[in-house]
Amino acid sequence: MGFRLSDLFVPRHMHKNPEYRKEGAAMLTDTAVLAKMAEIDIDEGVRRAAAKRLSELKDMKATA
């Protein structure tokens, strides 16, 4: 698996590498994108990371 220049311009949550998508999910604040990731990403770890971040954001909103 080689490095491609186009990889520099892809948002982390849309990267082909699931580890990058997990990192991207942890940084996202867009609940719609996180919900979609939690539902349809092909990698179980990414789905879990997105669901966890979505839960964190909902908890933060509930305590605000």
PDB file of N, CA and C in Angstrom:
ATOM      1  N   MET A   1       0.849  -1.166   0.000  1.00  0.00           N
ATOM      2  CA  MET A   1       0.000   0.000   0.000  1.00  0.00           C
ATOM      3  C   MET A   1       0.897   1.231   0.000  1.00  0.00           C
ATOM      4  N   GLY A   2       0.880   1.963  -1.087  1.00  0.00           N
ATOM      5  CA  GLY A   2       1.755   3.102  -1.213  1.00  0.00           C
ATOM      6  C   GLY A   2       1.068   4.413  -0.890  1.00  0.00           C
ATOM      7  N   PHE A   3       1.875   5.415  -0.734  1.00  0.00           N
ATOM      8  CA  PHE A   3       1.393   6.756  -0.462  1.00  0.00           C
ATOM      9  C   PHE A   3       0.987   7.422  -1.763  1.00  0.00           C
ATOM     10  N   ARG A   4      -0.159   8.075  -1.763  1.00  0.00           N
ATOM     11  CA  ARG A   4      -0.603   8.823  -2.930  1.00  0.00           C
ATOM     12  C   ARG A   4      -0.758  10.281  -2.546  1.00  0.00           C
ATOM     13  N   LEU A   5      -0.403  11.167  -3.445  1.00  0.00           N
ATOM     14  CA  LEU A   5      -0.514  12.596  -3.186  1.00  0.00           C
ATOM     15  C   LEU A   5      -1.947  12.986  -2.859  1.00  0.00           C
ATOM     16  N   SER A   6      -2.908  12.344  -3.493  1.00  0.00           N
ATOM     17  CA  SER A   6      -4.311  12.669  -3.239  1.00  0.00           C
ATOM     18  C   SER A   6      -4.711  12.375  -1.790  1.00  0.00           C
ATOM     19  N   ASP A   7      -3.975  11.486  -1.101  1.00  0.00           N
ATOM     20  CA  ASP A   7      -4.270  11.187   0.303  1.00  0.00           C
ATOM     21  C   ASP A   7      -4.097  12.408   1.203  1.00  0.00           C
ATOM     22  N   LEU A   8      -3.310  13.373   0.771  1.00  0.00           N
ATOM     23  CA  LEU A   8      -3.095  14.580   1.570  1.00  0.00           C
ATOM     24  C   LEU A   8      -4.329  15.466   1.619  1.00  0.00           C
ATOM     25  N   PHE A   9      -5.195  15.345   0.627  1.00  0.00           N
ATOM     26  CA  PHE A   9      -6.316  16.259   0.496  1.00  0.00           C
ATOM     27  C   PHE A   9      -7.655  15.645   0.887  1.00  0.00           C
ATOM     28  N   VAL A  10      -7.641  14.438   1.388  1.00  0.00           N
ATOM     29  CA  VAL A  10      -8.867  13.765   1.807  1.00  0.00           C
ATOM     30  C   VAL A  10      -9.068  14.021   3.296  1.00  0.00           C
ATOM     31  N   PRO A  11     -10.279  14.466   3.695  1.00  0.00           N
ATOM     32  CA  PRO A  11     -10.537  14.627   5.129  1.00  0.00           C
ATOM     33  C   PRO A  11     -10.327  13.298   5.851  1.00  0.00           C
ATOM     34  N   ARG A  12      -9.833  13.355   7.069  1.00  0.00           N
ATOM     35  CA  ARG A  12      -9.513  12.134   7.810  1.00  0.00           C
ATOM     36  C   ARG A  12     -10.701  11.180   7.905  1.00  0.00           C
ATOM     37  N   HIS A  13     -11.870  11.704   8.123  1.00  0.00           N
ATOM     38  CA  HIS A  13     -13.030  10.818   8.280  1.00  0.00           C
ATOM     39  C   HIS A  13     -13.465  10.153   6.969  1.00  0.00           C
ATOM     40  N   MET A  14     -12.849  10.551   5.845  1.00  0.00           N
ATOM     41  CA  MET A  14     -13.176   9.954   4.545  1.00  0.00           C
ATOM     42  C   MET A  14     -11.990   9.188   3.952  1.00  0.00           C
ATOM     43  N   HIS A  15     -10.920   9.079   4.698  1.00  0.00           N
ATOM     44  CA  HIS A  15      -9.700   8.433   4.212  1.00  0.00           C
ATOM     45  C   HIS A  15      -9.935   6.948   3.983  1.00  0.00           C
ATOM     46  N   LYS A  16      -9.193   6.352   3.065  1.00  0.00           N
ATOM     47  CA  LYS A  16      -9.356   4.920   2.787  1.00  0.00           C
ATOM     48  C   LYS A  16      -8.833   4.050   3.933  1.00  0.00           C
ATOM     49  N   ASN A  17      -7.919   4.571   4.735  1.00  0.00           N
ATOM     50  CA  ASN A  17      -7.353   3.834   5.860  1.00  0.00           C
ATOM     51  C   ASN A  17      -8.291   3.955   7.069  1.00  0.00           C
ATOM     52  N   PRO A  18      -8.783   2.837   7.605  1.00  0.00           N
ATOM     53  CA  PRO A  18      -9.713   2.901   8.728  1.00  0.00           C
ATOM     54  C   PRO A  18      -9.131   3.555   9.983  1.00  0.00           C
ATOM     55  N   GLU A  19      -7.825   3.464  10.188  1.00  0.00           N
ATOM     56  CA  GLU A  19      -7.221   4.114  11.361  1.00  0.00           C
ATOM     57  C   GLU A  19      -7.372   5.627  11.269  1.00  0.00           C
ATOM     58  N   TYR A  20      -7.199   6.173  10.076  1.00  0.00           N
ATOM     59  CA  TYR A  20      -7.386   7.610   9.865  1.00  0.00           C
ATOM     60  C   TYR A  20      -8.860   7.983  10.040  1.00  0.00           C
ATOM     61  N   ARG A  21      -9.768   7.118   9.573  1.00  0.00           N
ATOM     62  CA  ARG A  21     -11.192   7.412   9.734  1.00  0.00           C
ATOM     63  C   ARG A  21     -11.576   7.413  11.205  1.00  0.00           C
ATOM     64  N   LYS A  22     -10.984   6.524  11.993  1.00  0.00           N
ATOM     65  CA  LYS A  22     -11.250   6.527  13.449  1.00  0.00           C
ATOM     66  C   LYS A  22     -10.776   7.838  14.068  1.00  0.00           C
ATOM     67  N   GLU A  23      -9.579   8.278  13.707  1.00  0.00           N
ATOM     68  CA  GLU A  23      -9.065   9.555  14.205  1.00  0.00           C
ATOM     69  C   GLU A  23      -9.970  10.697  13.775  1.00  0.00           C
ATOM     70  N   GLY A  24     -10.421  10.648  12.527  1.00  0.00           N
ATOM     71  CA  GLY A  24     -11.313  11.688  12.024  1.00  0.00           C
ATOM     72  C   GLY A  24     -12.623  11.721  12.777  1.00  0.00           C
ATOM     73  N   ALA A  25     -13.168  10.561  13.084  1.00  0.00           N
ATOM     74  CA  ALA A  25     -14.424  10.490  13.840  1.00  0.00           C
ATOM     75  C   ALA A  25     -14.258  11.120  15.217  1.00  0.00           C
ATOM     76  N   ALA A  26     -13.119  10.926  15.818  1.00  0.00           N
ATOM     77  CA  ALA A  26     -12.875  11.472  17.164  1.00  0.00           C
ATOM     78  C   ALA A  26     -12.795  12.995  17.165  1.00  0.00           C
ATOM     79  N   MET A  27     -12.543  13.589  16.004  1.00  0.00           N
ATOM     80  CA  MET A  27     -12.413  15.044  15.917  1.00  0.00           C
ATOM     81  C   MET A  27     -13.663  15.731  15.367  1.00  0.00           C
ATOM     82  N   LEU A  28     -14.569  14.972  14.784  1.00  0.00           N
ATOM     83  CA  LEU A  28     -15.749  15.560  14.151  1.00  0.00           C
ATOM     84  C   LEU A  28     -16.736  16.122  15.169  1.00  0.00           C
ATOM     85  N   THR A  29     -17.458  17.140  14.741  1.00  0.00           N
ATOM     86  CA  THR A  29     -18.550  17.676  15.550  1.00  0.00           C
ATOM     87  C   THR A  29     -19.871  17.631  14.788  1.00  0.00           C
ATOM     88  N   ASP A  30     -19.835  17.217  13.541  1.00  0.00           N
ATOM     89  CA  ASP A  30     -21.033  17.120  12.711  1.00  0.00           C
ATOM     90  C   ASP A  30     -21.755  15.815  13.041  1.00  0.00           C
ATOM     91  N   THR A  31     -22.867  15.928  13.750  1.00  0.00           N
ATOM     92  CA  THR A  31     -23.572  14.733  14.208  1.00  0.00           C
ATOM     93  C   THR A  31     -24.176  13.937  13.055  1.00  0.00           C
ATOM     94  N   ALA A  32     -24.556  14.604  11.973  1.00  0.00           N
ATOM     95  CA  ALA A  32     -25.125  13.892  10.823  1.00  0.00           C
ATOM     96  C   ALA A  32     -24.068  12.994  10.170  1.00  0.00           C
ATOM     97  N   VAL A  33     -22.862  13.511  10.028  1.00  0.00           N
ATOM     98  CA  VAL A  33     -21.770  12.724   9.439  1.00  0.00           C
ATOM     99  C   VAL A  33     -21.406  11.573  10.368  1.00  0.00           C
ATOM    100  N   LEU A  34     -21.322  11.849  11.652  1.00  0.00           N
ATOM    101  CA  LEU A  34     -20.997  10.799  12.618  1.00  0.00           C
ATOM    102  C   LEU A  34     -22.052   9.698  12.623  1.00  0.00           C
ATOM    103  N   ALA A  35     -23.314  10.078  12.557  1.00  0.00           N
ATOM    104  CA  ALA A  35     -24.387   9.088  12.548  1.00  0.00           C
ATOM    105  C   ALA A  35     -24.288   8.199  11.309  1.00  0.00           C
ATOM    106  N   LYS A  36     -23.972   8.794  10.169  1.00  0.00           N
ATOM    107  CA  LYS A  36     -23.828   8.020   8.934  1.00  0.00           C
ATOM    108  C   LYS A  36     -22.632   7.081   9.030  1.00  0.00           C
ATOM    109  N   MET A  37     -21.524   7.585   9.580  1.00  0.00           N
ATOM    110  CA  MET A  37     -20.343   6.732   9.757  1.00  0.00           C
ATOM    111  C   MET A  37     -20.659   5.561  10.677  1.00  0.00           C
ATOM    112  N   ALA A  38     -21.357   5.832  11.768  1.00  0.00           N
ATOM    113  CA  ALA A  38     -21.696   4.785  12.734  1.00  0.00           C
ATOM    114  C   ALA A  38     -22.617   3.741  12.117  1.00  0.00           C
ATOM    115  N   GLU A  39     -23.353   4.142  11.115  1.00  0.00           N
ATOM    116  CA  GLU A  39     -24.314   3.235  10.492  1.00  0.00           C
ATOM    117  C   GLU A  39     -23.717   2.424   9.344  1.00  0.00           C
ATOM    118  N   ILE A  40     -22.886   3.053   8.491  1.00  0.00           N
ATOM    119  CA  ILE A  40     -22.544   2.367   7.241  1.00  0.00           C
ATOM    120  C   ILE A  40     -21.062   2.116   6.985  1.00  0.00           C
ATOM    121  N   ASP A  41     -20.162   2.605   7.839  1.00  0.00           N
ATOM    122  CA  ASP A  41     -18.744   2.371   7.547  1.00  0.00           C
ATOM    123  C   ASP A  41     -18.464   0.865   7.532  1.00  0.00           C
ATOM    124  N   ILE A  42     -17.588   0.448   6.625  1.00  0.00           N
ATOM    125  CA  ILE A  42     -17.311  -0.983   6.487  1.00  0.00           C
ATOM    126  C   ILE A  42     -16.467  -1.544   7.628  1.00  0.00           C
ATOM    127  N   ASP A  43     -15.785  -0.673   8.363  1.00  0.00           N
ATOM    128  CA  ASP A  43     -14.919  -1.113   9.455  1.00  0.00           C
ATOM    129  C   ASP A  43     -15.661  -0.979  10.785  1.00  0.00           C
ATOM    130  N   GLU A  44     -15.725  -2.072  11.523  1.00  0.00           N
ATOM    131  CA  GLU A  44     -16.429  -2.060  12.809  1.00  0.00           C
ATOM    132  C   GLU A  44     -15.817  -1.071  13.796  1.00  0.00           C
ATOM    133  N   GLY A  45     -14.490  -0.962  13.802  1.00  0.00           N
ATOM    134  CA  GLY A  45     -13.818  -0.025  14.700  1.00  0.00           C
ATOM    135  C   GLY A  45     -14.183   1.420  14.413  1.00  0.00           C
ATOM    136  N   VAL A  46     -14.330   1.741  13.151  1.00  0.00           N
ATOM    137  CA  VAL A  46     -14.737   3.096  12.759  1.00  0.00           C
ATOM    138  C   VAL A  46     -16.175   3.341  13.186  1.00  0.00           C
ATOM    139  N   ARG A  47     -17.036   2.351  12.981  1.00  0.00           N
ATOM    140  CA  ARG A  47     -18.432   2.497  13.413  1.00  0.00           C
ATOM    141  C   ARG A  47     -18.516   2.737  14.916  1.00  0.00           C
ATOM    142  N   ARG A  48     -17.726   1.992  15.681  1.00  0.00           N
ATOM    143  CA  ARG A  48     -17.730   2.168  17.145  1.00  0.00           C
ATOM    144  C   ARG A  48     -17.198   3.543  17.538  1.00  0.00           C
ATOM    145  N   ALA A  49     -16.117   3.985  16.884  1.00  0.00           N
ATOM    146  CA  ALA A  49     -15.527   5.293  17.191  1.00  0.00           C
ATOM    147  C   ALA A  49     -16.518   6.408  16.879  1.00  0.00           C
ATOM    148  N   ALA A  50     -17.220   6.289  15.770  1.00  0.00           N
ATOM    149  CA  ALA A  50     -18.202   7.311  15.401  1.00  0.00           C
ATOM    150  C   ALA A  50     -19.369   7.324  16.391  1.00  0.00           C
ATOM    151  N   ALA A  51     -19.830   6.157  16.788  1.00  0.00           N
ATOM    152  CA  ALA A  51     -20.928   6.069  17.755  1.00  0.00           C
ATOM    153  C   ALA A  51     -20.507   6.643  19.106  1.00  0.00           C
ATOM    154  N   LYS A  52     -19.277   6.371  19.508  1.00  0.00           N
ATOM    155  CA  LYS A  52     -18.768   6.897  20.775  1.00  0.00           C
ATOM    156  C   LYS A  52     -18.699   8.421  20.736  1.00  0.00           C
ATOM    157  N   ARG A  53     -18.182   8.973  19.647  1.00  0.00           N
ATOM    158  CA  ARG A  53     -18.080  10.433  19.523  1.00  0.00           C
ATOM    159  C   ARG A  53     -19.466  11.057  19.484  1.00  0.00           C
ATOM    160  N   LEU A  54     -20.395  10.429  18.800  1.00  0.00           N
ATOM    161  CA  LEU A  54     -21.765  10.922  18.740  1.00  0.00           C
ATOM    162  C   LEU A  54     -22.378  10.957  20.134  1.00  0.00           C
ATOM    163  N   SER A  55     -22.131   9.923  20.911  1.00  0.00           N
ATOM    164  CA  SER A  55     -22.628   9.867  22.284  1.00  0.00           C
ATOM    165  C   SER A  55     -22.003  10.972  23.135  1.00  0.00           C
ATOM    166  N   GLU A  56     -20.698  11.190  22.959  1.00  0.00           N
ATOM    167  CA  GLU A  56     -20.014  12.248  23.709  1.00  0.00           C
ATOM    168  C   GLU A  56     -20.608  13.614  23.392  1.00  0.00           C
ATOM    169  N   LEU A  57     -20.867  13.864  22.126  1.00  0.00           N
ATOM    170  CA  LEU A  57     -21.439  15.157  21.738  1.00  0.00           C
ATOM    171  C   LEU A  57     -22.839  15.340  22.302  1.00  0.00           C
ATOM    172  N   LYS A  58     -23.640  14.270  22.297  1.00  0.00           N
ATOM    173  CA  LYS A  58     -24.977  14.358  22.862  1.00  0.00           C
ATOM    174  C   LYS A  58     -24.920  14.608  24.354  1.00  0.00           C
ATOM    175  N   ASP A  59     -23.975  13.963  25.050  1.00  0.00           N
ATOM    176  CA  ASP A  59     -23.806  14.179  26.489  1.00  0.00           C
ATOM    177  C   ASP A  59     -23.389  15.616  26.779  1.00  0.00           C
ATOM    178  N   MET A  60     -22.485  16.146  25.952  1.00  0.00           N
ATOM    179  CA  MET A  60     -22.029  17.526  26.139  1.00  0.00           C
ATOM    180  C   MET A  60     -23.170  18.499  25.935  1.00  0.00           C
ATOM    181  N   LYS A  61     -24.013  18.232  24.947  1.00  0.00           N
ATOM    182  CA  LYS A  61     -25.150  19.104  24.663  1.00  0.00           C
ATOM    183  C   LYS A  61     -26.176  19.034  25.791  1.00  0.00           C
ATOM    184  N   ALA A  62     -26.360  17.855  26.368  1.00  0.00           N
ATOM    185  CA  ALA A  62     -27.346  17.660  27.434  1.00  0.00           C
ATOM    186  C   ALA A  62     -26.912  18.375  28.708  1.00  0.00           C
ATOM    187  N   THR A  63     -25.602  18.469  28.955  1.00  0.00           N
ATOM    188  CA  THR A  63     -25.132  19.113  30.180  1.00  0.00           C
ATOM    189  C   THR A  63     -24.954  20.611  30.014  1.00  0.00           C
ATOM    190  N   ALA A  64     -25.035  21.097  28.788  1.00  0.00           N
ATOM    191  CA  ALA A  64     -24.858  22.537  28.540  1.00  0.00           C
ATOM    192  C   ALA A  64     -26.108  23.319  28.833  1.00  0.00           C
TER     193      ALA A  64
END
